[in-house]
C-alpha atoms as a PDB file:
ATOM      1  CA  UNK A   1       0.000   0.000   0.000  1.00  0.00           C
ATOM      2  CA  UNK A   2       1.366   3.395  -1.002  1.00  0.00           C
ATOM      3  CA  UNK A   3       1.445   6.019   1.727  1.00  0.00           C
ATOM      4  CA  UNK A   4       0.792   9.644   0.808  1.00  0.00           C
ATOM      5  CA  UNK A   5       2.405  12.194   3.112  1.00  0.00           C
ATOM      6  CA  UNK A   6       1.382  15.801   3.388  1.00  0.00           C
ATOM      7  CA  UNK A   7       4.027  18.415   2.626  1.00  0.00           C
ATOM      8  CA  UNK A   8       4.733  19.287   6.272  1.00  0.00           C
ATOM      9  CA  UNK A   9       5.089  15.653   7.318  1.00  0.00           C
ATOM     10  CA  UNK A  10       7.536  15.057   4.465  1.00  0.00           C
ATOM     11  CA  UNK A  11       9.514  18.150   5.457  1.00  0.00           C
ATOM     12  CA  UNK A  12       9.791  16.863   9.043  1.00  0.00           C
ATOM     13  CA  UNK A  13      10.970  13.470   7.772  1.00  0.00           C
ATOM     14  CA  UNK A  14      13.527  15.262   5.594  1.00  0.00           C
ATOM     15  CA  UNK A  15      14.890  17.359   8.460  1.00  0.00           C
ATOM     16  CA  UNK A  16      15.370  14.159  10.494  1.00  0.00           C
ATOM     17  CA  UNK A  17      17.128  12.509   7.543  1.00  0.00           C
ATOM     18  CA  UNK A  18      19.325  15.608   7.146  1.00  0.00           C
ATOM     19  CA  UNK A  19      20.180  15.479  10.860  1.00  0.00           C
ATOM     20  CA  UNK A  20      21.386  11.881  10.636  1.00  0.00           C
ATOM     21  CA  UNK A  21      23.259  12.640   7.401  1.00  0.00           C
ATOM     22  CA  UNK A  22      25.023  15.569   9.103  1.00  0.00           C
ATOM     23  CA  UNK A  23      26.091  13.191  11.889  1.00  0.00           C
ATOM     24  CA  UNK A  24      27.151  10.507   9.415  1.00  0.00           C
ATOM     25  CA  UNK A  25      29.187  13.114   7.503  1.00  0.00           C
ATOM     26  CA  UNK A  26      30.773  14.492  10.700  1.00  0.00           C
ATOM     27  CA  UNK A  27      29.420  17.974   9.951  1.00  0.00           C
ATOM     28  CA  UNK A  28      28.794  19.872  13.171  1.00  0.00           C
ATOM     29  CA  UNK A  29      27.750  23.030  11.334  1.00  0.00           C
ATOM     30  CA  UNK A  30      25.205  21.186   9.161  1.00  0.00           C
ATOM     31  CA  UNK A  31      23.900  19.402  12.260  1.00  0.00           C
ATOM     32  CA  UNK A  32      23.497  22.611  14.297  1.00  0.00           C
ATOM     33  CA  UNK A  33      21.903  24.638  11.467  1.00  0.00           C
ATOM     34  CA  UNK A  34      18.921  22.269  11.478  1.00  0.00           C
ATOM     35  CA  UNK A  35      17.984  23.489  14.961  1.00  0.00           C
ATOM     36  CA  UNK A  36      16.059  26.595  15.872  1.00  0.00           C
ATOM     37  CA  UNK A  37      18.371  29.229  17.352  1.00  0.00           C
ATOM     38  CA  UNK A  38      17.128  28.189  20.807  1.00  0.00           C
ATOM     39  CA  UNK A  39      16.803  24.473  19.969  1.00  0.00           C
ATOM     40  CA  UNK A  40      17.904  21.733  22.351  1.00  0.00           C
ATOM     41  CA  UNK A  41      19.412  18.298  22.029  1.00  0.00           C
ATOM     42  CA  UNK A  42      19.806  15.556  24.599  1.00  0.00           C
ATOM     43  CA  UNK A  43      22.527  13.068  23.762  1.00  0.00           C
ATOM     44  CA  UNK A  44      22.675   9.319  24.234  1.00  0.00           C
ATOM     45  CA  UNK A  45      24.645   9.822  27.451  1.00  0.00           C
ATOM     46  CA  UNK A  46      22.202  12.402  28.803  1.00  0.00           C
ATOM     47  CA  UNK A  47      24.332  15.417  27.902  1.00  0.00           C
ATOM     48  CA  UNK A  48      22.301  18.502  27.055  1.00  0.00           C
ATOM     49  CA  UNK A  49      23.136  21.195  24.539  1.00  0.00           C
ATOM     50  CA  UNK A  50      21.127  24.371  24.168  1.00  0.00           C
ATOM     51  CA  UNK A  51      21.108  26.637  21.141  1.00  0.00           C
ATOM     52  CA  UNK A  52      22.753  26.313  17.745  1.00  0.00           C
ATOM     53  CA  UNK A  53      26.074  27.718  18.956  1.00  0.00           C
ATOM     54  CA  UNK A  54      26.537  25.238  21.802  1.00  0.00           C
ATOM     55  CA  UNK A  55      25.303  22.345  19.656  1.00  0.00           C
ATOM     56  CA  UNK A  56      27.845  23.180  16.955  1.00  0.00           C
ATOM     57  CA  UNK A  57      30.680  23.632  19.470  1.00  0.00           C
ATOM     58  CA  UNK A  58      30.019  20.315  21.218  1.00  0.00           C
ATOM     59  CA  UNK A  59      29.549  18.326  18.027  1.00  0.00           C
ATOM     60  CA  UNK A  60      32.708  19.864  16.560  1.00  0.00           C
ATOM     61  CA  UNK A  61      34.600  18.429  19.545  1.00  0.00           C
ATOM     62  CA  UNK A  62      32.959  15.020  19.109  1.00  0.00           C
ATOM     63  CA  UNK A  63      33.791  14.860  15.399  1.00  0.00           C
ATOM     64  CA  UNK A  64      37.342  16.158  15.913  1.00  0.00           C
ATOM     65  CA  UNK A  65      38.175  13.519  18.516  1.00  0.00           C
ATOM     66  CA  UNK A  66      36.982  10.349  16.810  1.00  0.00           C
ATOM     67  CA  UNK A  67      35.276   8.874  13.790  1.00  0.00           C
ATOM     68  CA  UNK A  68      31.684   8.294  14.752  1.00  0.00           C
ATOM     69  CA  UNK A  69      29.519   5.319  13.904  1.00  0.00           C
ATOM     70  CA  UNK A  70      26.966   5.649  11.098  1.00  0.00           C
ATOM     71  CA  UNK A  71      23.272   5.912  11.923  1.00  0.00           C
ATOM     72  CA  UNK A  72      20.665   3.571  10.484  1.00  0.00           C
ATOM     73  CA  UNK A  73      17.100   4.509  11.356  1.00  0.00           C
ATOM     74  CA  UNK A  74      13.438   3.689  10.954  1.00  0.00           C
ATOM     75  CA  UNK A  75      10.827   6.407  11.372  1.00  0.00           C
ATOM     76  CA  UNK A  76       7.960   4.963  13.383  1.00  0.00           C
ATOM     77  CA  UNK A  77       5.621   7.952  13.523  1.00  0.00           C
ATOM     78  CA  UNK A  78       5.252  11.541  12.401  1.00  0.00           C
ATOM     79  CA  UNK A  79       2.240  13.440  13.678  1.00  0.00           C
ATOM     80  CA  UNK A  80       1.172  17.036  14.098  1.00  0.00           C
ATOM     81  CA  UNK A  81       0.881  18.456  17.600  1.00  0.00           C
ATOM     82  CA  UNK A  82      -0.461  21.692  16.117  1.00  0.00           C
ATOM     83  CA  UNK A  83      -0.487  23.308  12.686  1.00  0.00           C
ATOM     84  CA  UNK A  84       3.166  24.328  13.122  1.00  0.00           C
ATOM     85  CA  UNK A  85       4.628  21.684  15.472  1.00  0.00           C
ATOM     86  CA  UNK A  86       5.304  18.034  14.629  1.00  0.00           C
ATOM     87  CA  UNK A  87       6.531  15.051  16.615  1.00  0.00           C
ATOM     88  CA  UNK A  88       8.740  12.425  14.962  1.00  0.00           C
ATOM     89  CA  UNK A  89       9.543   9.137  16.703  1.00  0.00           C
ATOM     90  CA  UNK A  90      12.185   6.796  15.321  1.00  0.00           C
ATOM     91  CA  UNK A  91      14.446   3.927  16.245  1.00  0.00           C
ATOM     92  CA  UNK A  92      18.113   4.029  15.354  1.00  0.00           C
ATOM     93  CA  UNK A  93      21.146   1.821  15.399  1.00  0.00           C
ATOM     94  CA  UNK A  94      24.769   2.452  14.591  1.00  0.00           C
ATOM     95  CA  UNK A  95      27.299   0.763  12.352  1.00  0.00           C
ATOM     96  CA  UNK A  96      30.832   1.216  13.741  1.00  0.00           C
ATOM     97  CA  UNK A  97      33.526   2.469  11.338  1.00  0.00           C
ATOM     98  CA  UNK A  98      34.849  -0.249   9.032  1.00  0.00           C
ATOM     99  CA  UNK A  99      32.041  -2.633  10.070  1.00  0.00           C
ATOM    100  CA  UNK A 100      28.769  -3.799   8.527  1.00  0.00           C
ATOM    101  CA  UNK A 101      26.761  -4.904  11.552  1.00  0.00           C
ATOM    102  CA  UNK A 102      24.625  -2.932  13.977  1.00  0.00           C
ATOM    103  CA  UNK A 103      26.152  -2.496  17.431  1.00  0.00           C
ATOM    104  CA  UNK A 104      23.176  -3.440  19.663  1.00  0.00           C
ATOM    105  CA  UNK A 105      24.725  -1.693  22.690  1.00  0.00           C
ATOM    106  CA  UNK A 106      23.981   1.718  21.183  1.00  0.00           C
ATOM    107  CA  UNK A 107      20.509   1.195  19.729  1.00  0.00           C
ATOM    108  CA  UNK A 108      18.309   4.170  20.509  1.00  0.00           C
ATOM    109  CA  UNK A 109      14.827   5.557  20.529  1.00  0.00           C
ATOM    110  CA  UNK A 110      14.886   9.025  19.002  1.00  0.00           C
ATOM    111  CA  UNK A 111      12.369  11.814  19.403  1.00  0.00           C
ATOM    112  CA  UNK A 112      12.367  14.999  17.370  1.00  0.00           C
ATOM    113  CA  UNK A 113      10.083  17.995  17.799  1.00  0.00           C
ATOM    114  CA  UNK A 114      10.038  20.246  14.729  1.00  0.00           C
ATOM    115  CA  UNK A 115       8.535  23.719  14.666  1.00  0.00           C
ATOM    116  CA  UNK A 116       7.614  25.645  11.551  1.00  0.00           C
ATOM    117  CA  UNK A 117       9.285  29.037  11.757  1.00  0.00           C
ATOM    118  CA  UNK A 118       8.578  31.402   8.862  1.00  0.00           C
ATOM    119  CA  UNK A 119       8.194  29.000   5.975  1.00  0.00           C
ATOM    120  CA  UNK A 120      10.288  25.995   7.016  1.00  0.00           C
ATOM    121  CA  UNK A 121      10.750  23.584   9.894  1.00  0.00           C
ATOM    122  CA  UNK A 122      13.585  23.679  12.383  1.00  0.00           C
ATOM    123  CA  UNK A 123      14.320  21.305  15.225  1.00  0.00           C
ATOM    124  CA  UNK A 124      13.116  22.513  18.610  1.00  0.00           C
ATOM    125  CA  UNK A 125      14.202  19.333  20.437  1.00  0.00           C
ATOM    126  CA  UNK A 126      16.069  16.163  19.524  1.00  0.00           C
ATOM    127  CA  UNK A 127      16.442  13.442  22.148  1.00  0.00           C
ATOM    128  CA  UNK A 128      18.452  10.264  21.692  1.00  0.00           C
ATOM    129  CA  UNK A 129      17.546   7.699  24.375  1.00  0.00           C
ATOM    130  CA  UNK A 130      19.305   4.338  24.834  1.00  0.00           C
ATOM    131  CA  UNK A 131      17.090   1.397  23.862  1.00  0.00           C
ATOM    132  CA  UNK A 132      18.359  -0.745  26.721  1.00  0.00           C
ATOM    133  CA  UNK A 133      15.244  -2.924  27.110  1.00  0.00           C
ATOM    134  CA  UNK A 134      16.429  -4.070  30.554  1.00  0.00           C
ATOM    135  CA  UNK A 135      15.615  -7.707  31.236  1.00  0.00           C
ATOM    136  CA  UNK A 136      13.989  -8.042  27.789  1.00  0.00           C
ATOM    137  CA  UNK A 137      16.685  -9.393  25.464  1.00  0.00           C
ATOM    138  CA  UNK A 138      14.052 -10.484  22.940  1.00  0.00           C
ATOM    139  CA  UNK A 139      13.065  -6.840  22.335  1.00  0.00           C
ATOM    140  CA  UNK A 140      16.705  -5.776  22.023  1.00  0.00           C
ATOM    141  CA  UNK A 141      17.358  -8.527  19.474  1.00  0.00           C
ATOM    142  CA  UNK A 142      14.171  -7.708  17.566  1.00  0.00           C
ATOM    143  CA  UNK A 143      15.196  -4.047  17.228  1.00  0.00           C
ATOM    144  CA  UNK A 144      18.746  -4.952  16.207  1.00  0.00           C
ATOM    145  CA  UNK A 145      17.445  -7.379  13.572  1.00  0.00           C
ATOM    146  CA  UNK A 146      15.000  -4.787  12.217  1.00  0.00           C
ATOM    147  CA  UNK A 147      17.715  -2.142  11.921  1.00  0.00           C
ATOM    148  CA  UNK A 148      20.204  -4.597  10.403  1.00  0.00           C
ATOM    149  CA  UNK A 149      17.645  -5.495   7.742  1.00  0.00           C
ATOM    150  CA  UNK A 150      17.291  -1.807   6.798  1.00  0.00           C
ATOM    151  CA  UNK A 151      21.071  -1.400   6.629  1.00  0.00           C
ATOM    152  CA  UNK A 152      21.458  -4.541   4.499  1.00  0.00           C
ATOM    153  CA  UNK A 153      18.741  -3.340   2.088  1.00  0.00           C
ATOM    154  CA  UNK A 154      20.485   0.027   1.691  1.00  0.00           C
ATOM    155  CA  UNK A 155      23.904  -1.502   0.992  1.00  0.00           C
END
């Protein structure tokens, strides 16, 4: 069945895709420019960055100090919270450099809030939460398998 997305929903999906591409390309400036000037991000380790400037500074340090793993993701939901605010929920995994398999220890649940400012969306909040699934190894394996399948299809 073909799914038809409205323009705003597609734009929100695109900003999420651009965010992951900026990470995958180690581009702190491209990553930060996707955020509203007062946007926030909460990292996998719980670190918080506020505003484009701080986001760019912190991600510049991350990218300068090591080659990051590549994101693989599946968007699970995009829905409007108002006419100008959308919620995107996704799951994500990471492929370490020089590898071709998802590292299940860093699977994540990602949440993005996008706000339409002027005529385009910017990220108000991006949160990257570990998908630990404590005491539920079957769920952890299921997510890893689902993400690996997406990666394998793309490569």
